[in-house]
Amino acid sequence: MTRDAHTPLLVLWDIDQTLIEGGTVTHRAYAAAFHTATGRRLEQPWRFDGRTELAAATEVLRAHGLDPDGGLLETFLELIVAELHRRADELAATGHVLPGVVDALAAVGAVAGVHQSVLTGNLYPLALLKLRLFGLDGHFDTRIGAYGGDAWERRDLPQYAFGRAEQHLGRRLGGSDTVIIGDTCRDVDAAHAVGARAVAVATGTTSAARLTAAGADVVLPDLADTTAVLRAVTSRDPAIPHDEAERAPGRGGVVHAETQPA
């Protein structure tokens, strides 16, 4: 069963390893920001795997025995933003858009009633930077997205998107009007938290089997099959057999720097 074309639909995309692969530039930027903020080398691993930037930065400071309070967390996050902007040309040169993404975004965006934005662990300015660098910004209304400086837990992010959608679109949308697309179990959990449809892609470090076990409504090997992506987004029932994705498993894992959308 497909959705009524007259019903508004909010489609929220993850960015890293769902839309783009950024390579190792971000790791070097974070290490440099950590050293500048703390005077120490980054020795503990930086864990992404769907965490918000707010959570990841806090955890890495604590892992090094540092107190994130007292302004250190805010300084660290601002330096991360500055370091990645300084490395923007390198990020654009070494990263790439994942297969099928441009066609998928265009096709989903052409569906009547669809509003596309992002639900990402990236801080707002970094989300904008990455979308612009890889030529994807034109597909999204970033005013109605949710970002990694909004909340500690990713599962809390959809409510920020709903609030911004009400402010900017003049209509309150909820989980039943929303599809969340991402490559980690935390993306699936965020969808479950609000009753949204969870579409998972096995393009990151989380395997299709794990995404299936997490309860994704649909698991895709990637976004290369535009018809499959459209069916996954617009259907009210799981339309893609999970074992189709399992045949191509994945490879597997309060911000002041710039004003976030109101």
Protein backbone atom coordinates (compact mmCIF):
# COMPACT_ATOMS: atom_id res chain seq x y z
CA MET A 1 0.00 0.00 0.00
CA THR A 2 1.39 3.41 -0.94
CA ARG A 3 0.68 6.66 0.84
CA ASP A 4 -1.96 9.16 -0.24
CA ALA A 5 -0.22 11.66 -2.52
CA HIS A 6 -2.04 14.51 -0.75
CA THR A 7 -0.68 13.59 2.68
CA PRO A 8 2.45 15.55 3.69
CA LEU A 9 5.46 13.34 4.30
CA LEU A 10 8.62 14.36 6.15
CA VAL A 11 11.66 12.40 4.92
CA LEU A 12 14.70 12.81 7.18
CA TRP A 13 18.07 11.58 5.92
CA ASP A 14 21.24 10.79 7.80
CA ILE A 15 24.34 12.23 6.11
CA ASP A 16 27.57 10.34 6.81
CA GLN A 17 27.75 6.86 5.24
CA THR A 18 24.16 7.22 4.09
CA LEU A 19 24.58 10.05 1.58
CA ILE A 20 28.34 10.61 1.60
CA GLU A 21 31.62 8.98 2.55
CA GLY A 22 33.94 11.58 4.03
CA GLY A 23 37.11 9.54 4.38
CA THR A 24 39.59 10.24 7.18
CA VAL A 25 39.60 14.03 7.06
CA THR A 26 37.10 14.34 9.89
CA HIS A 27 39.21 12.18 12.19
CA ARG A 28 42.24 14.43 11.65
CA ALA A 29 40.13 17.54 12.19
CA TYR A 30 38.77 16.18 15.46
CA ALA A 31 42.24 15.24 16.66
CA ALA A 32 43.51 18.74 15.90
CA ALA A 33 40.52 20.34 17.64
CA PHE A 34 41.04 18.12 20.67
CA HIS A 35 44.71 19.06 20.93
CA THR A 36 43.96 22.77 20.64
CA ALA A 37 41.15 22.59 23.20
CA THR A 38 42.94 20.46 25.77
CA GLY A 39 46.66 20.62 25.06
CA ARG A 40 46.66 16.82 24.84
CA ARG A 41 46.80 14.25 22.06
CA LEU A 42 43.62 12.42 21.16
CA GLU A 43 44.40 8.90 22.37
CA GLN A 44 40.99 7.30 22.84
CA PRO A 45 39.04 6.36 19.70
CA TRP A 46 36.39 8.75 18.46
CA ARG A 47 33.16 6.78 18.21
CA PHE A 48 30.65 7.87 15.58
CA ASP A 49 28.18 4.98 14.95
CA GLY A 50 25.14 7.25 14.91
CA ARG A 51 25.89 9.24 18.05
CA THR A 52 25.17 12.94 18.09
CA GLU A 53 28.19 15.20 18.01
CA LEU A 54 27.17 16.47 21.43
CA ALA A 55 27.32 12.96 22.89
CA ALA A 56 30.48 11.90 21.07
CA ALA A 57 32.43 15.01 22.07
CA THR A 58 31.34 14.71 25.69
CA GLU A 59 32.25 11.04 25.85
CA VAL A 60 35.69 11.51 24.30
CA LEU A 61 36.53 14.26 26.79
CA ARG A 62 35.47 12.04 29.68
CA ALA A 63 37.41 9.10 28.23
CA HIS A 64 40.54 11.24 28.59
CA GLY A 65 39.68 12.16 32.19
CA LEU A 66 38.53 15.66 31.28
CA ASP A 67 35.44 17.45 32.59
CA PRO A 68 33.29 18.69 29.68
CA ASP A 69 31.66 21.32 31.91
CA GLY A 70 32.97 24.80 32.49
CA GLY A 71 33.11 25.70 28.81
CA LEU A 72 35.46 22.96 27.58
CA LEU A 73 32.77 21.12 25.62
CA GLU A 74 31.61 24.29 23.88
CA THR A 75 35.20 25.25 23.03
CA PHE A 76 35.91 21.78 21.68
CA LEU A 77 32.81 21.79 19.47
CA GLU A 78 33.58 25.24 18.10
CA LEU A 79 37.11 24.11 17.24
CA ILE A 80 35.77 21.00 15.49
CA VAL A 81 33.65 23.24 13.27
CA ALA A 82 36.60 25.53 12.56
CA GLU A 83 38.97 22.64 11.78
CA LEU A 84 36.57 20.98 9.36
CA HIS A 85 35.88 24.25 7.57
CA ARG A 86 39.65 24.74 7.28
CA ARG A 87 39.90 21.30 5.68
CA ALA A 88 36.88 21.77 3.41
CA ASP A 89 38.86 21.48 0.18
CA GLU A 90 40.49 18.27 1.37
CA LEU A 91 37.14 16.84 2.43
CA ALA A 92 35.67 17.60 -0.99
CA ALA A 93 38.67 16.09 -2.76
CA THR A 94 38.88 12.85 -0.77
CA GLY A 95 35.22 12.22 0.01
CA HIS A 96 32.44 11.23 -2.35
CA VAL A 97 28.70 10.91 -2.74
CA LEU A 98 27.56 7.31 -2.35
CA PRO A 99 26.06 5.42 -5.31
CA GLY A 100 22.52 6.34 -6.30
CA VAL A 101 22.18 9.19 -3.83
CA VAL A 102 21.57 12.03 -6.29
CA ASP A 103 18.92 10.12 -8.22
CA ALA A 104 17.28 8.91 -5.02
CA LEU A 105 17.07 12.41 -3.55
CA ALA A 106 15.66 13.80 -6.78
CA ALA A 107 13.07 11.03 -7.06
CA VAL A 108 11.92 11.25 -3.44
CA GLY A 109 11.85 15.04 -3.60
CA ALA A 110 9.58 14.89 -6.66
CA VAL A 111 6.88 12.95 -4.80
CA ALA A 112 3.86 15.13 -4.08
CA GLY A 113 3.73 16.32 -0.49
CA VAL A 114 7.27 15.28 0.42
CA HIS A 115 9.50 17.59 2.45
CA GLN A 116 13.11 16.42 2.66
CA SER A 117 15.53 17.37 5.39
CA VAL A 118 18.20 15.75 7.53
CA LEU A 119 18.34 14.02 10.88
CA THR A 120 22.03 13.85 11.58
CA GLY A 121 24.60 13.57 14.31
CA ASN A 122 26.49 16.43 12.66
CA LEU A 123 26.44 19.86 14.21
CA TYR A 124 24.31 22.23 12.18
CA PRO A 125 27.20 24.12 10.52
CA LEU A 126 28.94 20.84 9.63
CA ALA A 127 25.78 19.40 8.13
CA LEU A 128 25.45 22.49 5.93
CA LEU A 129 29.14 22.29 4.99
CA LYS A 130 28.99 18.65 3.91
CA LEU A 131 25.77 19.03 1.94
CA ARG A 132 27.17 22.06 0.13
CA LEU A 133 30.58 20.56 -0.59
CA PHE A 134 29.05 17.50 -2.21
CA GLY A 135 26.37 19.38 -4.11
CA LEU A 136 23.42 17.94 -2.20
CA ASP A 137 22.17 21.05 -0.41
CA GLY A 138 19.57 21.86 -3.06
CA HIS A 139 17.58 18.74 -2.18
CA PHE A 140 16.93 19.70 1.45
CA ASP A 141 15.02 22.19 3.51
CA THR A 142 17.59 22.40 6.29
CA ARG A 143 15.34 24.70 8.33
CA ILE A 144 13.27 21.68 9.36
CA GLY A 145 16.10 19.26 10.12
CA ALA A 146 17.51 17.99 13.41
CA TYR A 147 21.20 18.18 14.26
CA GLY A 148 23.87 16.81 16.55
CA GLY A 149 23.88 19.83 18.82
CA ASP A 150 20.17 19.58 19.56
CA ALA A 151 20.25 16.65 21.97
CA TRP A 152 22.48 14.04 23.55
CA GLU A 153 20.44 11.04 22.34
CA ARG A 154 19.72 10.60 18.67
CA ARG A 155 16.26 9.26 19.51
CA ASP A 156 15.38 12.75 20.81
CA LEU A 157 16.19 14.47 17.52
CA PRO A 158 12.92 13.82 15.62
CA GLN A 159 10.99 16.08 18.00
CA TYR A 160 13.23 18.98 16.98
CA ALA A 161 12.45 18.32 13.32
CA PHE A 162 8.72 18.19 14.08
CA GLY A 163 8.86 21.50 15.92
CA ARG A 164 10.77 23.19 13.11
CA ALA A 165 8.42 21.75 10.51
CA GLU A 166 5.49 23.25 12.37
CA GLN A 167 7.25 26.61 12.55
CA HIS A 168 8.35 26.78 8.92
CA LEU A 169 5.69 24.73 7.13
CA GLY A 170 2.76 25.79 9.27
CA ARG A 171 1.77 22.21 10.00
CA ARG A 172 2.55 19.86 12.85
CA LEU A 173 3.92 16.56 11.57
CA GLY A 174 4.55 13.48 13.67
CA GLY A 175 5.92 9.99 13.46
CA SER A 176 3.13 8.65 11.27
CA ASP A 177 4.02 11.35 8.71
CA THR A 178 7.76 10.66 8.79
CA VAL A 179 10.37 8.38 7.26
CA ILE A 180 13.87 8.29 8.74
CA ILE A 181 16.68 6.93 6.55
CA GLY A 182 20.11 6.02 7.89
CA ASP A 183 22.86 3.44 8.16
CA THR A 184 23.01 2.68 11.90
CA CYS A 185 20.88 1.04 14.57
CA ARG A 186 20.57 4.46 16.21
CA ASP A 187 18.78 5.75 13.11
CA VAL A 188 16.34 2.87 13.41
CA ASP A 189 15.89 3.55 17.12
CA ALA A 190 15.20 7.23 16.45
CA ALA A 191 12.42 6.23 14.08
CA HIS A 192 10.97 3.75 16.59
CA ALA A 193 11.00 6.41 19.31
CA VAL A 194 8.38 8.47 17.47
CA GLY A 195 6.58 5.80 15.47
CA ALA A 196 8.20 6.78 12.17
CA ARG A 197 9.03 4.45 9.31
CA ALA A 198 12.65 3.27 9.47
CA VAL A 199 14.50 2.72 6.20
CA ALA A 200 18.03 1.43 6.75
CA VAL A 201 20.87 1.25 4.24
CA ALA A 202 23.82 -1.07 4.74
CA THR A 203 26.37 1.43 3.42
CA GLY A 204 28.16 2.06 6.70
CA THR A 205 29.76 -0.21 9.26
CA THR A 206 26.49 -1.80 10.40
CA SER A 207 25.54 -4.97 8.55
CA ALA A 208 22.17 -5.57 6.96
CA ALA A 209 21.60 -8.38 9.45
CA ARG A 210 22.08 -6.04 12.42
CA LEU A 211 19.84 -3.39 10.87
CA THR A 212 17.17 -6.03 10.34
CA ALA A 213 17.51 -7.23 13.92
CA ALA A 214 17.16 -3.63 15.11
CA GLY A 215 13.70 -3.59 13.54
CA ALA A 216 14.12 -1.50 10.40
CA ASP A 217 10.97 -1.60 8.27
CA VAL A 218 13.09 -1.91 5.15
CA VAL A 219 16.80 -2.66 4.72
CA LEU A 220 18.47 -1.72 1.44
CA PRO A 221 22.02 -2.65 0.42
CA ASP A 222 22.50 0.93 -0.82
CA LEU A 223 20.59 3.67 -2.61
CA ALA A 224 21.51 2.62 -6.14
CA ASP A 225 18.05 1.23 -7.00
CA THR A 226 15.91 4.36 -7.21
CA THR A 227 12.70 2.38 -7.63
CA ALA A 228 13.44 0.39 -4.47
CA VAL A 229 14.18 3.59 -2.55
CA LEU A 230 10.91 5.17 -3.67
CA ARG A 231 8.98 2.05 -2.74
CA ALA A 232 10.66 1.93 0.66
CA VAL A 233 9.88 5.58 1.39
CA THR A 234 6.32 5.79 0.10
CA SER A 235 4.94 2.36 1.02
CA ARG A 236 3.12 1.83 4.28
CA ASP A 237 4.20 -1.78 4.41
CA PRO A 238 7.70 -3.34 4.23
CA ALA A 239 8.13 -3.64 0.49
CA ILE A 240 11.70 -4.88 0.22
CA PRO A 241 12.52 -8.33 1.59
CA HIS A 242 15.22 -8.06 4.24
CA ASP A 243 17.16 -10.91 2.69
CA GLU A 244 17.61 -8.81 -0.46
CA ALA A 245 19.79 -6.44 1.53
CA GLU A 246 21.55 -9.27 3.31
CA ARG A 247 22.97 -10.43 0.00
CA ALA A 248 24.99 -7.20 -0.01
CA PRO A 249 25.91 -6.52 3.65
CA GLY A 250 27.58 -3.34 4.84
CA ARG A 251 31.27 -2.89 5.54
CA GLY A 252 31.10 -3.60 9.04
CA GLY A 253 30.27 1.22 12.62
CA VAL A 254 24.62 23.28 23.11
CA VAL A 255 26.49 24.54 20.08
CA HIS A 256 27.55 28.15 19.71
CA ALA A 257 29.74 27.86 16.62
CA GLU A 258 26.89 28.86 14.36
CA THR A 259 23.23 29.51 15.02
CA GLN A 260 21.04 26.46 14.53
CA PRO A 261 17.59 26.70 12.95
CA ALA A 262 14.97 27.94 15.36
